[in-house]
Amino acid sequence: MSVDEFRLLRRPRSLPDVSQSKPGLNAKYKAKIVYYKHRGDILPRVCYNASIEVIFAHLIIKSSWPPVTIRIPLVSISYIETIRKYDRFDIRGRSFQLHLVGFNDVLYTANSLEESRDWLRFLVVRQRIPHSILKIPFDWEVDQPGIRRKSNTRSSFKSIKDFLLCHKNVLRQE
């Protein structure tokens, strides 16, 4: 195996000074626009001025408008890529798509988009190691049945109205 194949196993940078941050915080980012589409959702969520934190084993997204909280386990992330032209991150899993536009790093302000991408990839790979040791199945190893849509039009209109107006905070666990 070549050195390039082991690139993800090395830390792309030194660890930050975390004496003043909350415990378990591995990364903190800001994004102007967040687009989140879950396989079971009718319409995607679009949020503005979001803060993204990697705390312990989860990617947590909190937006200012609409007030939404999305929680994604790092183990379920299978694709992380950047588009430098738009300062955009594409993060995908088996059951979701997440696009972050206007992305910048808060903990490491001098980091480029590629360094932030490599750090997030490192955190994902690091979280997969305990799952492999404990033999916990990953998302792609488990058959997921198709999600049925509700046939009741009254409840579907209510869910669309709740989705568009975002009356309450939503906590989604993958």
N, C-alpha and C. Protein backbone atom coordinates (compact mmCIF):
# COMPACT_ATOMS: atom_id res chain seq x y z
N MET A 1 0.84 -1.18 0.00
CA MET A 1 0.00 0.00 0.00
C MET A 1 0.89 1.24 0.00
N SER A 2 0.43 2.23 -0.71
CA SER A 2 1.21 3.45 -0.82
C SER A 2 0.86 4.42 0.32
N VAL A 3 1.63 5.48 0.38
CA VAL A 3 1.43 6.49 1.42
C VAL A 3 0.10 7.22 1.23
N ASP A 4 -0.32 7.39 -0.02
CA ASP A 4 -1.57 8.10 -0.29
C ASP A 4 -2.79 7.35 0.25
N GLU A 5 -2.71 6.02 0.29
CA GLU A 5 -3.84 5.25 0.80
C GLU A 5 -4.00 5.38 2.31
N PHE A 6 -2.93 5.72 3.01
CA PHE A 6 -2.99 5.88 4.45
C PHE A 6 -3.15 7.34 4.87
N ARG A 7 -3.41 8.21 3.92
CA ARG A 7 -3.50 9.64 4.21
C ARG A 7 -4.61 9.97 5.19
N LEU A 8 -5.74 9.24 5.10
CA LEU A 8 -6.86 9.53 5.99
C LEU A 8 -6.61 9.08 7.43
N LEU A 9 -5.66 8.19 7.64
CA LEU A 9 -5.38 7.71 8.99
C LEU A 9 -4.50 8.67 9.77
N ARG A 10 -3.85 9.60 9.10
CA ARG A 10 -3.02 10.58 9.78
C ARG A 10 -3.83 11.83 10.08
N ARG A 11 -3.47 12.53 11.12
CA ARG A 11 -4.12 13.81 11.42
C ARG A 11 -3.62 14.84 10.42
N PRO A 12 -4.53 15.54 9.76
CA PRO A 12 -4.09 16.55 8.80
C PRO A 12 -3.50 17.79 9.46
N ARG A 13 -3.71 17.95 10.75
CA ARG A 13 -3.19 19.11 11.46
C ARG A 13 -3.10 18.78 12.95
N SER A 14 -2.49 19.65 13.69
CA SER A 14 -2.39 19.43 15.13
C SER A 14 -3.74 19.74 15.80
N LEU A 15 -3.92 19.20 16.98
CA LEU A 15 -5.17 19.42 17.70
C LEU A 15 -5.24 20.85 18.24
N PRO A 16 -6.44 21.44 18.30
CA PRO A 16 -6.57 22.82 18.79
C PRO A 16 -6.47 22.87 20.30
N ASP A 17 -6.33 24.09 20.82
CA ASP A 17 -6.38 24.31 22.25
C ASP A 17 -7.85 24.31 22.65
N VAL A 18 -8.26 23.25 23.35
CA VAL A 18 -9.68 23.09 23.69
C VAL A 18 -9.95 23.40 25.15
N SER A 19 -9.06 24.11 25.80
CA SER A 19 -9.25 24.39 27.22
C SER A 19 -10.44 25.31 27.46
N GLN A 20 -10.80 26.14 26.47
CA GLN A 20 -11.90 27.07 26.65
C GLN A 20 -13.18 26.65 25.95
N SER A 21 -13.14 25.57 25.22
CA SER A 21 -14.35 25.11 24.53
C SER A 21 -15.01 23.99 25.32
N LYS A 22 -16.23 23.66 24.93
CA LYS A 22 -16.96 22.63 25.66
C LYS A 22 -16.38 21.25 25.36
N PRO A 23 -16.53 20.32 26.28
CA PRO A 23 -15.95 18.99 26.09
C PRO A 23 -16.60 18.25 24.92
N GLY A 24 -15.78 17.53 24.18
CA GLY A 24 -16.26 16.74 23.06
C GLY A 24 -16.35 17.49 21.75
N LEU A 25 -16.06 18.78 21.74
CA LEU A 25 -16.14 19.58 20.52
C LEU A 25 -14.88 19.33 19.68
N ASN A 26 -15.06 18.70 18.52
CA ASN A 26 -13.94 18.39 17.64
C ASN A 26 -13.79 19.39 16.50
N ALA A 27 -14.88 20.00 16.09
CA ALA A 27 -14.83 20.98 15.00
C ALA A 27 -16.06 21.87 15.11
N LYS A 28 -15.90 23.09 14.62
CA LYS A 28 -17.00 24.05 14.61
C LYS A 28 -16.93 24.85 13.32
N TYR A 29 -18.05 24.90 12.61
CA TYR A 29 -18.10 25.57 11.32
C TYR A 29 -19.32 26.49 11.27
N LYS A 30 -19.32 27.37 10.29
CA LYS A 30 -20.46 28.23 9.97
C LYS A 30 -20.80 28.03 8.50
N ALA A 31 -22.08 28.12 8.19
CA ALA A 31 -22.53 28.04 6.80
C ALA A 31 -23.66 29.05 6.60
N LYS A 32 -23.67 29.68 5.44
CA LYS A 32 -24.72 30.64 5.14
C LYS A 32 -26.03 29.94 4.81
N ILE A 33 -25.94 28.87 4.00
CA ILE A 33 -27.14 28.13 3.59
C ILE A 33 -26.88 26.64 3.79
N VAL A 34 -27.86 25.95 4.37
CA VAL A 34 -27.80 24.50 4.55
C VAL A 34 -29.00 23.89 3.84
N TYR A 35 -28.72 22.92 2.99
CA TYR A 35 -29.75 22.17 2.28
C TYR A 35 -29.67 20.74 2.81
N TYR A 36 -30.76 20.24 3.42
CA TYR A 36 -30.78 18.90 4.00
C TYR A 36 -31.98 18.14 3.46
N LYS A 37 -31.72 17.00 2.85
CA LYS A 37 -32.79 16.15 2.30
C LYS A 37 -32.62 14.76 2.88
N HIS A 38 -33.62 14.32 3.63
CA HIS A 38 -33.65 12.96 4.17
C HIS A 38 -34.54 12.12 3.27
N ARG A 39 -34.25 10.85 3.20
CA ARG A 39 -34.98 9.97 2.29
C ARG A 39 -36.48 9.96 2.57
N GLY A 40 -36.90 10.13 3.79
CA GLY A 40 -38.31 10.09 4.13
C GLY A 40 -39.03 11.41 4.01
N ASP A 41 -38.32 12.50 3.77
CA ASP A 41 -38.95 13.81 3.69
C ASP A 41 -39.58 14.05 2.32
N ILE A 42 -40.67 14.79 2.31
CA ILE A 42 -41.32 15.15 1.05
C ILE A 42 -40.53 16.27 0.38
N LEU A 43 -40.21 17.29 1.15
CA LEU A 43 -39.45 18.44 0.65
C LEU A 43 -38.15 18.56 1.43
N PRO A 44 -37.10 19.11 0.83
CA PRO A 44 -35.85 19.29 1.58
C PRO A 44 -35.96 20.47 2.54
N ARG A 45 -35.11 20.47 3.55
CA ARG A 45 -35.02 21.60 4.49
C ARG A 45 -33.94 22.55 3.99
N VAL A 46 -34.26 23.82 3.97
CA VAL A 46 -33.29 24.85 3.62
C VAL A 46 -33.21 25.79 4.81
N CYS A 47 -32.03 25.93 5.37
CA CYS A 47 -31.83 26.74 6.57
C CYS A 47 -30.77 27.80 6.27
N TYR A 48 -30.84 28.91 6.99
CA TYR A 48 -29.92 30.02 6.79
C TYR A 48 -29.13 30.30 8.06
N ASN A 49 -27.91 30.77 7.91
CA ASN A 49 -27.02 31.12 9.02
C ASN A 49 -26.94 30.00 10.05
N ALA A 50 -26.38 28.90 9.63
CA ALA A 50 -26.31 27.73 10.50
C ALA A 50 -24.92 27.59 11.12
N SER A 51 -24.90 27.04 12.31
CA SER A 51 -23.63 26.66 12.95
C SER A 51 -23.58 25.14 12.98
N ILE A 52 -22.44 24.60 12.59
CA ILE A 52 -22.25 23.16 12.49
C ILE A 52 -21.17 22.78 13.49
N GLU A 53 -21.46 21.81 14.34
CA GLU A 53 -20.50 21.35 15.34
C GLU A 53 -20.36 19.84 15.24
N VAL A 54 -19.13 19.38 15.41
CA VAL A 54 -18.88 17.95 15.53
C VAL A 54 -18.60 17.70 17.00
N ILE A 55 -19.60 17.12 17.69
CA ILE A 55 -19.48 16.86 19.12
C ILE A 55 -19.52 15.35 19.31
N PHE A 56 -18.45 14.82 19.90
CA PHE A 56 -18.28 13.40 20.12
C PHE A 56 -18.49 12.65 18.81
N ALA A 57 -19.60 11.97 18.62
CA ALA A 57 -19.81 11.12 17.45
C ALA A 57 -20.91 11.64 16.53
N HIS A 58 -21.29 12.92 16.65
CA HIS A 58 -22.40 13.44 15.87
C HIS A 58 -22.04 14.78 15.22
N LEU A 59 -22.61 14.98 14.04
CA LEU A 59 -22.56 16.26 13.35
C LEU A 59 -23.89 16.95 13.66
N ILE A 60 -23.83 18.08 14.37
CA ILE A 60 -25.04 18.77 14.82
C ILE A 60 -25.14 20.11 14.10
N ILE A 61 -26.27 20.32 13.46
CA ILE A 61 -26.50 21.55 12.70
C ILE A 61 -27.62 22.31 13.37
N LYS A 62 -27.35 23.57 13.73
CA LYS A 62 -28.35 24.45 14.34
C LYS A 62 -28.44 25.70 13.48
N SER A 63 -29.65 25.99 13.03
CA SER A 63 -29.81 27.17 12.18
C SER A 63 -30.56 28.25 12.93
N SER A 64 -30.32 29.49 12.51
CA SER A 64 -31.00 30.62 13.14
C SER A 64 -32.39 30.84 12.54
N TRP A 65 -32.51 30.61 11.21
CA TRP A 65 -33.82 30.72 10.59
C TRP A 65 -34.00 29.67 9.54
N PRO A 66 -34.98 28.87 9.55
CA PRO A 66 -35.89 28.57 10.66
C PRO A 66 -35.14 27.84 11.77
N PRO A 67 -35.61 27.95 13.00
CA PRO A 67 -34.90 27.31 14.10
C PRO A 67 -35.02 25.79 14.05
N VAL A 68 -34.00 25.16 13.51
CA VAL A 68 -33.99 23.71 13.31
C VAL A 68 -32.70 23.14 13.86
N THR A 69 -32.79 21.96 14.46
CA THR A 69 -31.61 21.23 14.91
C THR A 69 -31.62 19.88 14.21
N ILE A 70 -30.53 19.57 13.51
CA ILE A 70 -30.39 18.30 12.80
C ILE A 70 -29.17 17.60 13.39
N ARG A 71 -29.34 16.33 13.71
CA ARG A 71 -28.27 15.55 14.33
C ARG A 71 -27.99 14.33 13.44
N ILE A 72 -26.74 14.23 12.95
CA ILE A 72 -26.35 13.16 12.05
C ILE A 72 -25.18 12.41 12.68
N PRO A 73 -25.27 11.10 12.85
CA PRO A 73 -24.12 10.34 13.35
C PRO A 73 -22.99 10.36 12.32
N LEU A 74 -21.77 10.51 12.79
CA LEU A 74 -20.61 10.54 11.89
C LEU A 74 -20.45 9.23 11.14
N VAL A 75 -20.85 8.13 11.76
CA VAL A 75 -20.68 6.82 11.14
C VAL A 75 -21.55 6.69 9.90
N SER A 76 -22.66 7.39 9.83
CA SER A 76 -23.56 7.27 8.68
C SER A 76 -23.09 8.09 7.48
N ILE A 77 -22.06 8.90 7.63
CA ILE A 77 -21.55 9.72 6.52
C ILE A 77 -20.67 8.85 5.64
N SER A 78 -20.97 8.85 4.34
CA SER A 78 -20.18 8.02 3.43
C SER A 78 -19.46 8.83 2.35
N TYR A 79 -19.81 10.09 2.16
CA TYR A 79 -19.22 10.90 1.08
C TYR A 79 -19.04 12.33 1.59
N ILE A 80 -17.82 12.85 1.48
CA ILE A 80 -17.54 14.24 1.84
C ILE A 80 -16.69 14.84 0.72
N GLU A 81 -17.17 15.90 0.11
CA GLU A 81 -16.43 16.54 -0.96
C GLU A 81 -16.65 18.04 -0.91
N THR A 82 -15.73 18.80 -1.50
CA THR A 82 -15.83 20.25 -1.52
C THR A 82 -15.88 20.77 -2.95
N ILE A 83 -16.53 21.90 -3.12
CA ILE A 83 -16.51 22.63 -4.38
C ILE A 83 -15.97 24.02 -4.04
N ARG A 84 -14.74 24.25 -4.41
CA ARG A 84 -14.04 25.46 -4.00
C ARG A 84 -14.67 26.73 -4.57
N LYS A 85 -15.20 26.63 -5.77
CA LYS A 85 -15.74 27.81 -6.45
C LYS A 85 -16.85 28.48 -5.63
N TYR A 86 -17.68 27.68 -4.96
CA TYR A 86 -18.82 28.22 -4.22
C TYR A 86 -18.64 28.11 -2.71
N ASP A 87 -17.45 27.75 -2.22
CA ASP A 87 -17.24 27.46 -0.80
C ASP A 87 -18.32 26.51 -0.30
N ARG A 88 -18.44 25.38 -0.98
CA ARG A 88 -19.54 24.46 -0.74
C ARG A 88 -19.03 23.10 -0.31
N PHE A 89 -19.72 22.51 0.63
CA PHE A 89 -19.46 21.16 1.12
C PHE A 89 -20.62 20.27 0.69
N ASP A 90 -20.32 19.09 0.21
CA ASP A 90 -21.33 18.07 -0.07
C ASP A 90 -21.06 16.90 0.86
N ILE A 91 -22.03 16.58 1.69
CA ILE A 91 -21.92 15.47 2.62
C ILE A 91 -23.12 14.57 2.37
N ARG A 92 -22.86 13.28 2.14
CA ARG A 92 -23.94 12.36 1.83
C ARG A 92 -23.80 11.08 2.64
N GLY A 93 -24.93 10.48 2.88
CA GLY A 93 -25.01 9.17 3.49
C GLY A 93 -25.97 8.33 2.69
N ARG A 94 -26.29 7.16 3.22
CA ARG A 94 -27.20 6.29 2.49
C ARG A 94 -28.62 6.85 2.47
N SER A 95 -29.00 7.58 3.50
CA SER A 95 -30.38 8.04 3.58
C SER A 95 -30.52 9.56 3.62
N PHE A 96 -29.45 10.31 3.38
CA PHE A 96 -29.56 11.77 3.43
C PHE A 96 -28.56 12.43 2.50
N GLN A 97 -28.83 13.69 2.18
CA GLN A 97 -27.92 14.58 1.45
C GLN A 97 -27.85 15.88 2.22
N LEU A 98 -26.64 16.40 2.36
CA LEU A 98 -26.43 17.64 3.08
C LEU A 98 -25.48 18.50 2.25
N HIS A 99 -25.91 19.71 1.92
CA HIS A 99 -25.09 20.65 1.16
C HIS A 99 -24.93 21.91 2.01
N LEU A 100 -23.70 22.32 2.22
CA LEU A 100 -23.40 23.52 3.01
C LEU A 100 -22.79 24.54 2.07
N VAL A 101 -23.41 25.71 1.93
CA VAL A 101 -22.92 26.77 1.05
C VAL A 101 -22.44 27.94 1.90
N GLY A 102 -21.35 28.57 1.51
CA GLY A 102 -20.78 29.65 2.30
C GLY A 102 -20.12 29.13 3.55
N PHE A 103 -19.37 28.07 3.40
CA PHE A 103 -18.79 27.32 4.51
C PHE A 103 -17.48 27.97 4.97
N ASN A 104 -17.30 28.11 6.29
CA ASN A 104 -16.00 28.52 6.83
C ASN A 104 -15.79 27.93 8.22
N ASP A 105 -14.52 27.74 8.56
CA ASP A 105 -14.12 27.10 9.81
C ASP A 105 -14.02 28.15 10.91
N VAL A 106 -14.58 27.86 12.08
CA VAL A 106 -14.57 28.81 13.18
C VAL A 106 -13.36 28.57 14.09
N LEU A 107 -13.05 27.30 14.40
CA LEU A 107 -11.93 27.00 15.29
C LEU A 107 -10.58 27.31 14.64
N TYR A 108 -10.44 26.97 13.36
CA TYR A 108 -9.21 27.24 12.61
C TYR A 108 -9.54 28.24 11.50
N THR A 109 -9.41 29.49 11.78
CA THR A 109 -9.82 30.49 10.79
C THR A 109 -8.92 30.52 9.56
N ALA A 110 -7.67 30.07 9.70
CA ALA A 110 -6.74 30.11 8.57
C ALA A 110 -6.86 28.88 7.67
N ASN A 111 -7.73 27.95 8.00
CA ASN A 111 -7.85 26.71 7.22
C ASN A 111 -8.52 26.95 5.88
N SER A 112 -8.04 26.20 4.90
CA SER A 112 -8.70 26.22 3.61
C SER A 112 -9.85 25.22 3.62
N LEU A 113 -10.62 25.23 2.57
CA LEU A 113 -11.76 24.33 2.46
C LEU A 113 -11.30 22.87 2.42
N GLU A 114 -10.18 22.61 1.73
CA GLU A 114 -9.67 21.24 1.63
C GLU A 114 -9.17 20.73 2.98
N GLU A 115 -8.55 21.59 3.78
CA GLU A 115 -8.09 21.18 5.11
C GLU A 115 -9.28 20.86 6.01
N SER A 116 -10.34 21.64 5.93
CA SER A 116 -11.54 21.34 6.71
C SER A 116 -12.17 20.04 6.25
N ARG A 117 -12.18 19.80 4.95
CA ARG A 117 -12.71 18.54 4.42
C ARG A 117 -11.90 17.35 4.91
N ASP A 118 -10.57 17.47 4.88
CA ASP A 118 -9.71 16.38 5.36
C ASP A 118 -9.90 16.13 6.86
N TRP A 119 -10.09 17.19 7.63
CA TRP A 119 -10.31 17.03 9.07
C TRP A 119 -11.64 16.32 9.34
N LEU A 120 -12.68 16.69 8.59
CA LEU A 120 -13.97 16.03 8.77
C LEU A 120 -13.90 14.57 8.33
N ARG A 121 -13.19 14.29 7.26
CA ARG A 121 -12.99 12.89 6.85
C ARG A 121 -12.25 12.11 7.92
N PHE A 122 -11.23 12.73 8.52
CA PHE A 122 -10.49 12.07 9.59
C PHE A 122 -11.40 11.75 10.77
N LEU A 123 -12.27 12.68 11.15
CA LEU A 123 -13.19 12.45 12.26
C LEU A 123 -14.17 11.32 11.95
N VAL A 124 -14.62 11.21 10.71
CA VAL A 124 -15.53 10.14 10.31
C VAL A 124 -14.82 8.79 10.38
N VAL A 125 -13.60 8.72 9.84
CA VAL A 125 -12.85 7.46 9.87
C VAL A 125 -12.52 7.07 11.30
N ARG A 126 -12.17 8.04 12.12
CA ARG A 126 -11.86 7.77 13.53
C ARG A 126 -13.08 7.22 14.27
N GLN A 127 -14.27 7.65 13.90
CA GLN A 127 -15.47 7.16 14.56
C GLN A 127 -15.85 5.77 14.08
N ARG A 128 -15.41 5.38 12.90
CA ARG A 128 -15.73 4.04 12.39
C ARG A 128 -14.92 2.95 13.08
N ILE A 129 -13.79 3.28 13.64
CA ILE A 129 -12.92 2.28 14.27
C ILE A 129 -13.62 1.57 15.42
N PRO A 130 -14.25 2.27 16.40
CA PRO A 130 -14.95 1.54 17.47
C PRO A 130 -16.10 0.68 16.95
N HIS A 131 -16.79 1.13 15.90
CA HIS A 131 -17.86 0.33 15.33
C HIS A 131 -17.32 -0.97 14.75
N SER A 132 -16.16 -0.89 14.11
CA SER A 132 -15.56 -2.09 13.54
C SER A 132 -15.11 -3.05 14.64
N ILE A 133 -14.51 -2.52 15.69
CA ILE A 133 -14.03 -3.36 16.79
C ILE A 133 -15.20 -4.04 17.51
N LEU A 134 -16.27 -3.29 17.77
CA LEU A 134 -17.43 -3.83 18.47
C LEU A 134 -18.37 -4.61 17.54
N LYS A 135 -18.04 -4.66 16.24
CA LYS A 135 -18.83 -5.36 15.24
C LYS A 135 -20.27 -4.86 15.17
N ILE A 136 -20.44 -3.56 15.30
CA ILE A 136 -21.74 -2.93 15.12
C ILE A 136 -21.93 -2.71 13.62
N PRO A 137 -23.06 -3.12 13.05
CA PRO A 137 -23.23 -2.98 11.60
C PRO A 137 -23.35 -1.51 11.18
N PHE A 138 -22.76 -1.19 10.04
CA PHE A 138 -22.86 0.15 9.48
C PHE A 138 -24.17 0.27 8.70
N ASP A 139 -24.51 1.50 8.28
CA ASP A 139 -25.75 1.74 7.53
C ASP A 139 -25.80 0.94 6.24
N TRP A 140 -24.68 0.85 5.54
CA TRP A 140 -24.65 0.19 4.25
C TRP A 140 -24.64 -1.33 4.38
N GLU A 141 -24.44 -1.86 5.59
CA GLU A 141 -24.46 -3.31 5.81
C GLU A 141 -25.84 -3.83 6.19
N VAL A 142 -26.75 -2.93 6.53
CA VAL A 142 -28.08 -3.30 6.97
C VAL A 142 -29.08 -2.96 5.87
N ASP A 143 -29.95 -3.91 5.56
CA ASP A 143 -31.01 -3.63 4.58
C ASP A 143 -32.04 -2.72 5.21
N GLN A 144 -32.30 -1.59 4.54
CA GLN A 144 -33.31 -0.67 5.03
C GLN A 144 -34.54 -0.76 4.14
N PRO A 145 -35.68 -1.11 4.72
CA PRO A 145 -36.89 -1.20 3.89
C PRO A 145 -37.30 0.18 3.39
N GLY A 146 -38.03 0.21 2.29
CA GLY A 146 -38.50 1.48 1.72
C GLY A 146 -39.45 2.18 2.67
N ILE A 147 -39.42 3.48 2.68
CA ILE A 147 -40.30 4.26 3.55
C ILE A 147 -41.61 4.49 2.81
N ARG A 148 -42.71 4.15 3.47
CA ARG A 148 -44.03 4.32 2.86
C ARG A 148 -44.52 5.75 3.09
N ARG A 149 -45.16 6.26 2.09
CA ARG A 149 -45.78 7.58 2.19
C ARG A 149 -47.17 7.42 2.79
N LYS A 150 -47.61 8.43 3.53
CA LYS A 150 -48.95 8.41 4.09
C LYS A 150 -49.96 8.66 2.97
N SER A 151 -51.03 7.90 2.99
CA SER A 151 -52.04 8.08 1.96
C SER A 151 -53.11 9.08 2.39
N ASN A 152 -53.15 9.43 3.65
CA ASN A 152 -54.14 10.36 4.15
C ASN A 152 -53.75 11.78 3.73
N THR A 153 -54.55 12.42 2.88
CA THR A 153 -54.19 13.73 2.35
C THR A 153 -54.23 14.80 3.44
N ARG A 154 -55.13 14.65 4.41
CA ARG A 154 -55.22 15.66 5.48
C ARG A 154 -53.93 15.68 6.30
N SER A 155 -53.41 14.52 6.66
CA SER A 155 -52.17 14.48 7.44
C SER A 155 -50.97 14.91 6.60
N SER A 156 -50.99 14.62 5.28
CA SER A 156 -49.87 15.05 4.45
C SER A 156 -49.87 16.57 4.28
N PHE A 157 -51.06 17.20 4.17
CA PHE A 157 -51.10 18.66 4.10
C PHE A 157 -50.61 19.28 5.40
N LYS A 158 -50.96 18.65 6.52
CA LYS A 158 -50.52 19.14 7.82
C LYS A 158 -49.00 19.02 7.95
N SER A 159 -48.43 17.90 7.47
CA SER A 159 -46.99 17.74 7.56
C SER A 159 -46.26 18.73 6.66
N ILE A 160 -46.83 19.02 5.48
CA ILE A 160 -46.22 20.02 4.59
C ILE A 160 -46.30 21.40 5.22
N LYS A 161 -47.44 21.73 5.83
CA LYS A 161 -47.59 23.03 6.48
C LYS A 161 -46.61 23.16 7.65
N ASP A 162 -46.50 22.11 8.47
CA ASP A 162 -45.55 22.14 9.58
C ASP A 162 -44.12 22.26 9.09
N PHE A 163 -43.82 21.57 7.99
CA PHE A 163 -42.47 21.62 7.44
C PHE A 163 -42.13 23.02 6.92
N LEU A 164 -43.06 23.63 6.19
CA LEU A 164 -42.78 24.94 5.60
C LEU A 164 -42.75 26.05 6.64
N LEU A 165 -43.60 25.96 7.65
CA LEU A 165 -43.65 27.02 8.65
C LEU A 165 -42.69 26.80 9.80
N CYS A 166 -42.27 25.57 10.01
CA CYS A 166 -41.29 25.24 11.05
C CYS A 166 -41.68 25.84 12.40
N HIS A 167 -42.85 25.45 12.92
CA HIS A 167 -43.34 25.99 14.18
C HIS A 167 -42.52 25.55 15.37
N LYS A 168 -41.92 24.40 15.29
CA LYS A 168 -41.18 23.90 16.44
C LYS A 168 -39.83 23.37 15.99
N ASN A 169 -38.92 23.30 16.94
CA ASN A 169 -37.60 22.75 16.63
C ASN A 169 -37.75 21.27 16.30
N VAL A 170 -36.96 20.84 15.35
CA VAL A 170 -37.01 19.45 14.93
C VAL A 170 -35.68 18.80 15.29
N LEU A 171 -35.75 17.69 16.00
CA LEU A 171 -34.54 16.94 16.33
C LEU A 171 -34.64 15.61 15.61
N ARG A 172 -33.79 15.42 14.63
CA ARG A 172 -33.84 14.19 13.84
C ARG A 172 -32.60 13.38 14.15
N GLN A 173 -32.83 12.18 14.55
CA GLN A 173 -31.72 11.27 14.78
C GLN A 173 -31.74 10.23 13.68
N GLU A 174 -30.62 10.05 13.10
CA GLU A 174 -30.49 9.09 12.01
C GLU A 174 -30.34 7.70 12.58
